[in-house]
Amino acid sequence: MILSNEFPYCDWTRLIPVVIRKKKMLMIRTCRKMLLRILALLYLLLVQAAFCSAQTSSDVARMDQLLQDAQSSFDKQEFSASFDLYQRVLALDPDNQIARKNIFEMAAIYKHLEEVARKYGEREKAQIFQQRQKDITRYLLKMFTLQLEISIKNYRTHKAVNETGEDMEEQIVLVLEKIIKALNDLKGLYKKEMTGDEERAKHMIERIDKSLQVYERELTQYTNRLTTESEPE
């Protein structure tokens, strides 16, 4: 053999098991390293999961406390403090209905107080109430408009993906419902003349009604499609 001629003193029958043993040892070390990495990754994931769980519990507790404090201030008619607290609630949960309802109610209360103050000739108080009502209305307009813009953007994205063949109809229905809700929230502000500009309010309500017709029609079409697809043949 060529190998025997080149290495006359090498016993290849003994060397082969050594090579195999070394390869096995190398494989064992490699597997051990991989196993240690996997265990380290699993540990990291468990730590992150525990942290997220603790953070979620902490957020829920904080939300409950904020709502409780905000409601307490609201009941005491400490509207400035209540408004600040409800803003913090909505920063954590933009769809919180209690916060939305009470902020809207505060704006209506300030509007009523302004009207009463003007009726009795207390101009200074009337101006203070008017400014507070405007501040709250501006906040609500900004919040509802932002939610509307985000929902419309998501709707267009989902619709474009759906047209490529990927089924996004359920997501489209959900986002259309959010669009309609945001439009109705905006309409509610203008309808109650919260903005202080009657002509603009009338114009905006007309625009919102047109948009509502479009999106409600879209919602009906997608809902009907989902209903048809879910029916057994």
Foldseek 3Di string as FASTA:
>chain_A
DVVCVVPVPDDVVVVVVVVVVVVVVVVVVVVVVVVVVVVVVVVVVVVVVVVVVVVVVVLVVVLVVLVVVLVVCVVVVVNVSNLVSLVVNCVSPVPPPVSVVSLVVLLVVLCVQLVVCVVVPNNVSNVVSLVVSQVSLVVQVVSLVVQLVVLVVVLVVLVVVVVVPDDSLVVNLVSLVSNLVSLVSLLVCLVVVSNVDVVVSVVSNVVSVVVNVVSVVVNVVSVVVVVVVPDDD
